[in-house]
Amino acid sequence: MGVIRSFSDFAIPVIFIVILLAAVIKKIKAYDLFVEGAKEGIETIIRIIPSLVGLLVAVGVFKASGAMDILIYILRPLTDLLGMPPQVAPLALLRPISGSASFAFVTEIIKNFGPDTFEGRVAAVMMGSTETIFYTLAVYYGAVGIKNIRYTLAAAIMADIISVIASLWACRLVFG
């Protein structure tokens, strides 16, 4: 354990020094490149902020309007068939839309049910095995200006559904 701890303490400084030495050897102006990259990062942030704001507003409206509750009620036969705890069903619906909202929801599930309950475990595994599809599409495709997402959305939704089912299956298999 001591070797791993020592390695982890020095890994980042060593990598930093190696990068600086490589820049000096190759006569690259590392600081200028760093500043240029930071400028590009800020420009990217400015380009994607409208997409992010729109997405966050849409999530808030969806939850506040009661549409999520109606959707959960409609999907209740399916969640019962899958053996999904009804308390976790909103996470399966919310996760593709918003990472921060789904994280808050997982926190609420763990606070209410505990981390070692089936609900808490399914929520944690589902959070780790699914993706914020719409956020990712909006941010990355919006940043590079792609308008036609073609099959990306369908493939991502299928992968997310499979991840939700796999989360339930894995928790049942491992935790009973």
C-alpha atoms as a PDB file:
ATOM      1  CA  MET A   1       0.000   0.000   0.000  1.00  0.00           C
ATOM      2  CA  GLY A   2       2.889   2.364   0.754  1.00  0.00           C
ATOM      3  CA  VAL A   3       4.317   1.992  -2.762  1.00  0.00           C
ATOM      4  CA  ILE A   4       0.971   2.811  -4.373  1.00  0.00           C
ATOM      5  CA  ARG A   5       0.531   5.820  -2.080  1.00  0.00           C
ATOM      6  CA  SER A   6       4.036   7.084  -2.880  1.00  0.00           C
ATOM      7  CA  PHE A   7       3.468   6.582  -6.602  1.00  0.00           C
ATOM      8  CA  SER A   8       0.170   8.458  -6.537  1.00  0.00           C
ATOM      9  CA  ASP A   9       1.740  11.334  -4.576  1.00  0.00           C
ATOM     10  CA  PHE A  10       4.415  11.861  -7.224  1.00  0.00           C
ATOM     11  CA  ALA A  11       2.587  10.881 -10.431  1.00  0.00           C
ATOM     12  CA  ILE A  12       1.097  14.276 -11.314  1.00  0.00           C
ATOM     13  CA  PRO A  13       4.242  16.334 -10.563  1.00  0.00           C
ATOM     14  CA  VAL A  14       6.383  13.856 -12.530  1.00  0.00           C
ATOM     15  CA  ILE A  15       4.015  13.998 -15.531  1.00  0.00           C
ATOM     16  CA  PHE A  16       4.046  17.802 -15.355  1.00  0.00           C
ATOM     17  CA  ILE A  17       7.869  17.914 -15.276  1.00  0.00           C
ATOM     18  CA  VAL A  18       8.150  15.404 -18.145  1.00  0.00           C
ATOM     19  CA  ILE A  19       5.799  17.507 -20.286  1.00  0.00           C
ATOM     20  CA  LEU A  20       7.787  20.673 -19.545  1.00  0.00           C
ATOM     21  CA  LEU A  21      11.095  18.914 -20.291  1.00  0.00           C
ATOM     22  CA  ALA A  22       9.710  17.571 -23.576  1.00  0.00           C
ATOM     23  CA  ALA A  23       8.588  21.095 -24.493  1.00  0.00           C
ATOM     24  CA  VAL A  24      12.041  22.505 -23.715  1.00  0.00           C
ATOM     25  CA  ILE A  25      13.802  19.737 -25.677  1.00  0.00           C
ATOM     26  CA  LYS A  26      11.530  20.234 -28.704  1.00  0.00           C
ATOM     27  CA  LYS A  27      11.764  24.037 -28.305  1.00  0.00           C
ATOM     28  CA  ILE A  28       7.990  24.408 -27.989  1.00  0.00           C
ATOM     29  CA  LYS A  29       6.532  27.438 -26.227  1.00  0.00           C
ATOM     30  CA  ALA A  30       4.426  25.490 -23.722  1.00  0.00           C
ATOM     31  CA  TYR A  31       2.981  28.522 -21.942  1.00  0.00           C
ATOM     32  CA  ASP A  32       1.852  30.152 -25.188  1.00  0.00           C
ATOM     33  CA  LEU A  33       0.184  26.904 -26.247  1.00  0.00           C
ATOM     34  CA  PHE A  34      -1.488  26.647 -22.842  1.00  0.00           C
ATOM     35  CA  VAL A  35      -2.877  30.189 -23.133  1.00  0.00           C
ATOM     36  CA  GLU A  36      -4.087  29.482 -26.685  1.00  0.00           C
ATOM     37  CA  GLY A  37      -5.856  26.320 -25.494  1.00  0.00           C
ATOM     38  CA  ALA A  38      -7.467  28.227 -22.631  1.00  0.00           C
ATOM     39  CA  LYS A  39      -8.781  30.839 -25.095  1.00  0.00           C
ATOM     40  CA  GLU A  40     -10.266  28.091 -27.274  1.00  0.00           C
ATOM     41  CA  GLY A  41     -11.871  26.543 -24.200  1.00  0.00           C
ATOM     42  CA  ILE A  42     -13.538  29.814 -23.256  1.00  0.00           C
ATOM     43  CA  GLU A  43     -14.796  30.276 -26.824  1.00  0.00           C
ATOM     44  CA  THR A  44     -16.269  26.760 -26.726  1.00  0.00           C
ATOM     45  CA  ILE A  45     -18.003  27.496 -23.427  1.00  0.00           C
ATOM     46  CA  ILE A  46     -19.533  30.668 -24.877  1.00  0.00           C
ATOM     47  CA  ARG A  47     -20.805  28.700 -27.903  1.00  0.00           C
ATOM     48  CA  ILE A  48     -22.451  25.954 -25.828  1.00  0.00           C
ATOM     49  CA  ILE A  49     -24.038  28.048 -23.059  1.00  0.00           C
ATOM     50  CA  PRO A  50     -27.304  28.654 -24.995  1.00  0.00           C
ATOM     51  CA  SER A  51     -27.734  24.894 -25.481  1.00  0.00           C
ATOM     52  CA  LEU A  52     -27.086  24.260 -21.799  1.00  0.00           C
ATOM     53  CA  VAL A  53     -29.524  26.921 -20.623  1.00  0.00           C
ATOM     54  CA  GLY A  54     -32.230  25.604 -22.940  1.00  0.00           C
ATOM     55  CA  LEU A  55     -31.695  22.069 -21.702  1.00  0.00           C
ATOM     56  CA  LEU A  56     -31.798  23.061 -18.032  1.00  0.00           C
ATOM     57  CA  VAL A  57     -34.999  25.071 -18.547  1.00  0.00           C
ATOM     58  CA  ALA A  58     -36.606  22.136 -20.370  1.00  0.00           C
ATOM     59  CA  VAL A  59     -35.741  19.770 -17.500  1.00  0.00           C
ATOM     60  CA  GLY A  60     -37.190  22.179 -14.953  1.00  0.00           C
ATOM     61  CA  VAL A  61     -40.409  22.602 -16.925  1.00  0.00           C
ATOM     62  CA  PHE A  62     -40.715  18.833 -17.442  1.00  0.00           C
ATOM     63  CA  LYS A  63     -40.434  18.141 -13.702  1.00  0.00           C
ATOM     64  CA  ALA A  64     -42.495  21.111 -12.484  1.00  0.00           C
ATOM     65  CA  SER A  65     -45.353  20.484 -14.905  1.00  0.00           C
ATOM     66  CA  GLY A  66     -45.971  17.003 -13.549  1.00  0.00           C
ATOM     67  CA  ALA A  67     -45.213  15.445 -16.932  1.00  0.00           C
ATOM     68  CA  MET A  68     -42.609  13.197 -15.325  1.00  0.00           C
ATOM     69  CA  ASP A  69     -45.143  11.850 -12.836  1.00  0.00           C
ATOM     70  CA  ILE A  70     -47.623  11.138 -15.626  1.00  0.00           C
ATOM     71  CA  LEU A  71     -44.952   9.366 -17.645  1.00  0.00           C
ATOM     72  CA  ILE A  72     -43.980   7.237 -14.639  1.00  0.00           C
ATOM     73  CA  TYR A  73     -47.623   6.287 -14.128  1.00  0.00           C
ATOM     74  CA  ILE A  74     -47.929   5.298 -17.781  1.00  0.00           C
ATOM     75  CA  LEU A  75     -44.716   3.248 -17.621  1.00  0.00           C
ATOM     76  CA  ARG A  76     -45.662   1.510 -14.354  1.00  0.00           C
ATOM     77  CA  PRO A  77     -46.623  -1.816 -16.019  1.00  0.00           C
ATOM     78  CA  LEU A  78     -43.245  -1.905 -17.781  1.00  0.00           C
ATOM     79  CA  THR A  79     -41.277  -1.073 -14.639  1.00  0.00           C
ATOM     80  CA  ASP A  80     -43.192  -3.751 -12.742  1.00  0.00           C
ATOM     81  CA  LEU A  81     -42.379  -6.242 -15.499  1.00  0.00           C
ATOM     82  CA  LEU A  82     -38.673  -5.346 -15.316  1.00  0.00           C
ATOM     83  CA  GLY A  83     -38.652  -5.505 -11.532  1.00  0.00           C
ATOM     84  CA  MET A  84     -37.587  -1.887 -11.280  1.00  0.00           C
ATOM     85  CA  PRO A  85     -38.362  -0.204  -7.973  1.00  0.00           C
ATOM     86  CA  PRO A  86     -40.899   2.546  -8.687  1.00  0.00           C
ATOM     87  CA  GLN A  87     -38.724   4.980  -6.725  1.00  0.00           C
ATOM     88  CA  VAL A  88     -35.903   4.492  -9.258  1.00  0.00           C
ATOM     89  CA  ALA A  89     -38.036   4.789 -12.411  1.00  0.00           C
ATOM     90  CA  PRO A  90     -37.729   8.600 -12.539  1.00  0.00           C
ATOM     91  CA  LEU A  91     -33.948   8.206 -12.614  1.00  0.00           C
ATOM     92  CA  ALA A  92     -34.160   6.040 -15.724  1.00  0.00           C
ATOM     93  CA  LEU A  93     -36.200   8.799 -17.366  1.00  0.00           C
ATOM     94  CA  LEU A  94     -34.214  11.741 -16.018  1.00  0.00           C
ATOM     95  CA  ARG A  95     -30.675  10.455 -16.564  1.00  0.00           C
ATOM     96  CA  PRO A  96     -30.670  10.805 -20.375  1.00  0.00           C
ATOM     97  CA  ILE A  97     -31.812  14.413 -19.998  1.00  0.00           C
ATOM     98  CA  SER A  98     -29.793  15.889 -17.127  1.00  0.00           C
ATOM     99  CA  GLY A  99     -26.757  14.664 -15.225  1.00  0.00           C
ATOM    100  CA  SER A 100     -27.070  17.161 -12.384  1.00  0.00           C
ATOM    101  CA  ALA A 101     -30.792  16.533 -11.901  1.00  0.00           C
ATOM    102  CA  SER A 102     -30.249  12.777 -11.935  1.00  0.00           C
ATOM    103  CA  PHE A 103     -27.358  13.121  -9.467  1.00  0.00           C
ATOM    104  CA  ALA A 104     -29.646  15.072  -7.146  1.00  0.00           C
ATOM    105  CA  PHE A 105     -32.274  12.361  -7.581  1.00  0.00           C
ATOM    106  CA  VAL A 106     -29.765   9.596  -6.711  1.00  0.00           C
ATOM    107  CA  THR A 107     -28.732  11.579  -3.641  1.00  0.00           C
ATOM    108  CA  GLU A 108     -32.387  11.778  -2.604  1.00  0.00           C
ATOM    109  CA  ILE A 109     -32.878   8.020  -3.129  1.00  0.00           C
ATOM    110  CA  ILE A 110     -29.796   7.207  -1.045  1.00  0.00           C
ATOM    111  CA  LYS A 111     -30.856   9.660   1.662  1.00  0.00           C
ATOM    112  CA  ASN A 112     -34.381   8.181   1.825  1.00  0.00           C
ATOM    113  CA  PHE A 113     -33.607   4.475   1.359  1.00  0.00           C
ATOM    114  CA  GLY A 114     -29.910   4.136   2.220  1.00  0.00           C
ATOM    115  CA  PRO A 115     -26.924   3.121   0.103  1.00  0.00           C
ATOM    116  CA  ASP A 116     -27.184  -0.582   0.948  1.00  0.00           C
ATOM    117  CA  THR A 117     -30.810  -1.024  -0.089  1.00  0.00           C
ATOM    118  CA  PHE A 118     -31.856  -2.421  -3.441  1.00  0.00           C
ATOM    119  CA  GLU A 119     -33.168   1.007  -4.434  1.00  0.00           C
ATOM    120  CA  GLY A 120     -29.895   2.710  -3.489  1.00  0.00           C
ATOM    121  CA  ARG A 121     -27.760   0.135  -5.249  1.00  0.00           C
ATOM    122  CA  VAL A 122     -29.835   0.168  -8.437  1.00  0.00           C
ATOM    123  CA  ALA A 123     -29.762   3.976  -8.467  1.00  0.00           C
ATOM    124  CA  ALA A 124     -25.980   4.041  -8.026  1.00  0.00           C
ATOM    125  CA  VAL A 125     -25.306   1.393 -10.679  1.00  0.00           C
ATOM    126  CA  MET A 126     -27.785   2.994 -13.083  1.00  0.00           C
ATOM    127  CA  MET A 127     -26.176   6.401 -12.561  1.00  0.00           C
ATOM    128  CA  GLY A 128     -22.772   4.966 -13.403  1.00  0.00           C
ATOM    129  CA  SER A 129     -23.832   2.904 -16.392  1.00  0.00           C
ATOM    130  CA  THR A 130     -26.069   5.356 -18.246  1.00  0.00           C
ATOM    131  CA  GLU A 131     -25.318   8.632 -20.007  1.00  0.00           C
ATOM    132  CA  THR A 132     -26.869  12.068 -20.291  1.00  0.00           C
ATOM    133  CA  ILE A 133     -27.737  11.517 -23.938  1.00  0.00           C
ATOM    134  CA  PHE A 134     -29.507  14.767 -24.747  1.00  0.00           C
ATOM    135  CA  TYR A 135     -26.980  16.863 -22.840  1.00  0.00           C
ATOM    136  CA  THR A 136     -24.079  15.165 -24.613  1.00  0.00           C
ATOM    137  CA  LEU A 137     -25.683  15.547 -28.029  1.00  0.00           C
ATOM    138  CA  ALA A 138     -26.560  19.198 -27.404  1.00  0.00           C
ATOM    139  CA  VAL A 139     -23.136  20.105 -26.067  1.00  0.00           C
ATOM    140  CA  TYR A 140     -20.831  18.210 -28.387  1.00  0.00           C
ATOM    141  CA  TYR A 141     -22.823  18.468 -31.585  1.00  0.00           C
ATOM    142  CA  GLY A 142     -23.664  22.090 -30.800  1.00  0.00           C
ATOM    143  CA  ALA A 143     -19.994  22.888 -30.175  1.00  0.00           C
ATOM    144  CA  VAL A 144     -18.932  21.648 -33.607  1.00  0.00           C
ATOM    145  CA  GLY A 145     -22.068  22.825 -35.421  1.00  0.00           C
ATOM    146  CA  ILE A 146     -23.534  19.461 -36.419  1.00  0.00           C
ATOM    147  CA  LYS A 147     -27.238  19.819 -37.226  1.00  0.00           C
ATOM    148  CA  ASN A 148     -28.076  16.321 -38.518  1.00  0.00           C
ATOM    149  CA  ILE A 149     -27.455  13.724 -35.810  1.00  0.00           C
ATOM    150  CA  ARG A 150     -28.587  10.859 -38.060  1.00  0.00           C
ATOM    151  CA  TYR A 151     -28.674   7.603 -36.073  1.00  0.00           C
ATOM    152  CA  THR A 152     -26.836   8.879 -33.006  1.00  0.00           C
ATOM    153  CA  LEU A 153     -29.956   9.514 -30.936  1.00  0.00           C
ATOM    154  CA  ALA A 154     -31.573   6.145 -31.703  1.00  0.00           C
ATOM    155  CA  ALA A 155     -28.350   4.267 -30.932  1.00  0.00           C
ATOM    156  CA  ALA A 156     -27.822   6.242 -27.722  1.00  0.00           C
ATOM    157  CA  ILE A 157     -31.385   5.608 -26.515  1.00  0.00           C
ATOM    158  CA  MET A 158     -31.041   1.871 -27.236  1.00  0.00           C
ATOM    159  CA  ALA A 159     -27.742   1.798 -25.334  1.00  0.00           C
ATOM    160  CA  ASP A 160     -29.356   3.636 -22.431  1.00  0.00           C
ATOM    161  CA  ILE A 161     -32.296   1.205 -22.272  1.00  0.00           C
ATOM    162  CA  ILE A 162     -29.874  -1.720 -22.309  1.00  0.00           C
ATOM    163  CA  SER A 163     -27.848  -0.047 -19.540  1.00  0.00           C
ATOM    164  CA  VAL A 164     -30.945   0.401 -17.372  1.00  0.00           C
ATOM    165  CA  ILE A 165     -31.909  -3.257 -17.805  1.00  0.00           C
ATOM    166  CA  ALA A 166     -28.307  -4.360 -17.209  1.00  0.00           C
ATOM    167  CA  SER A 167     -28.207  -2.265 -14.023  1.00  0.00           C
ATOM    168  CA  LEU A 168     -31.273  -4.047 -12.687  1.00  0.00           C
ATOM    169  CA  TRP A 169     -29.899  -7.438 -13.748  1.00  0.00           C
ATOM    170  CA  ALA A 170     -26.463  -6.792 -12.227  1.00  0.00           C
ATOM    171  CA  CYS A 171     -27.934  -5.641  -8.909  1.00  0.00           C
ATOM    172  CA  ARG A 172     -30.231  -8.668  -8.726  1.00  0.00           C
ATOM    173  CA  LEU A 173     -27.338 -10.988  -9.599  1.00  0.00           C
ATOM    174  CA  VAL A 174     -24.786  -9.466  -7.223  1.00  0.00           C
ATOM    175  CA  PHE A 175     -26.963  -8.300  -4.330  1.00  0.00           C
ATOM    176  CA  GLY A 176     -29.923 -10.659  -4.633  1.00  0.00           C
END
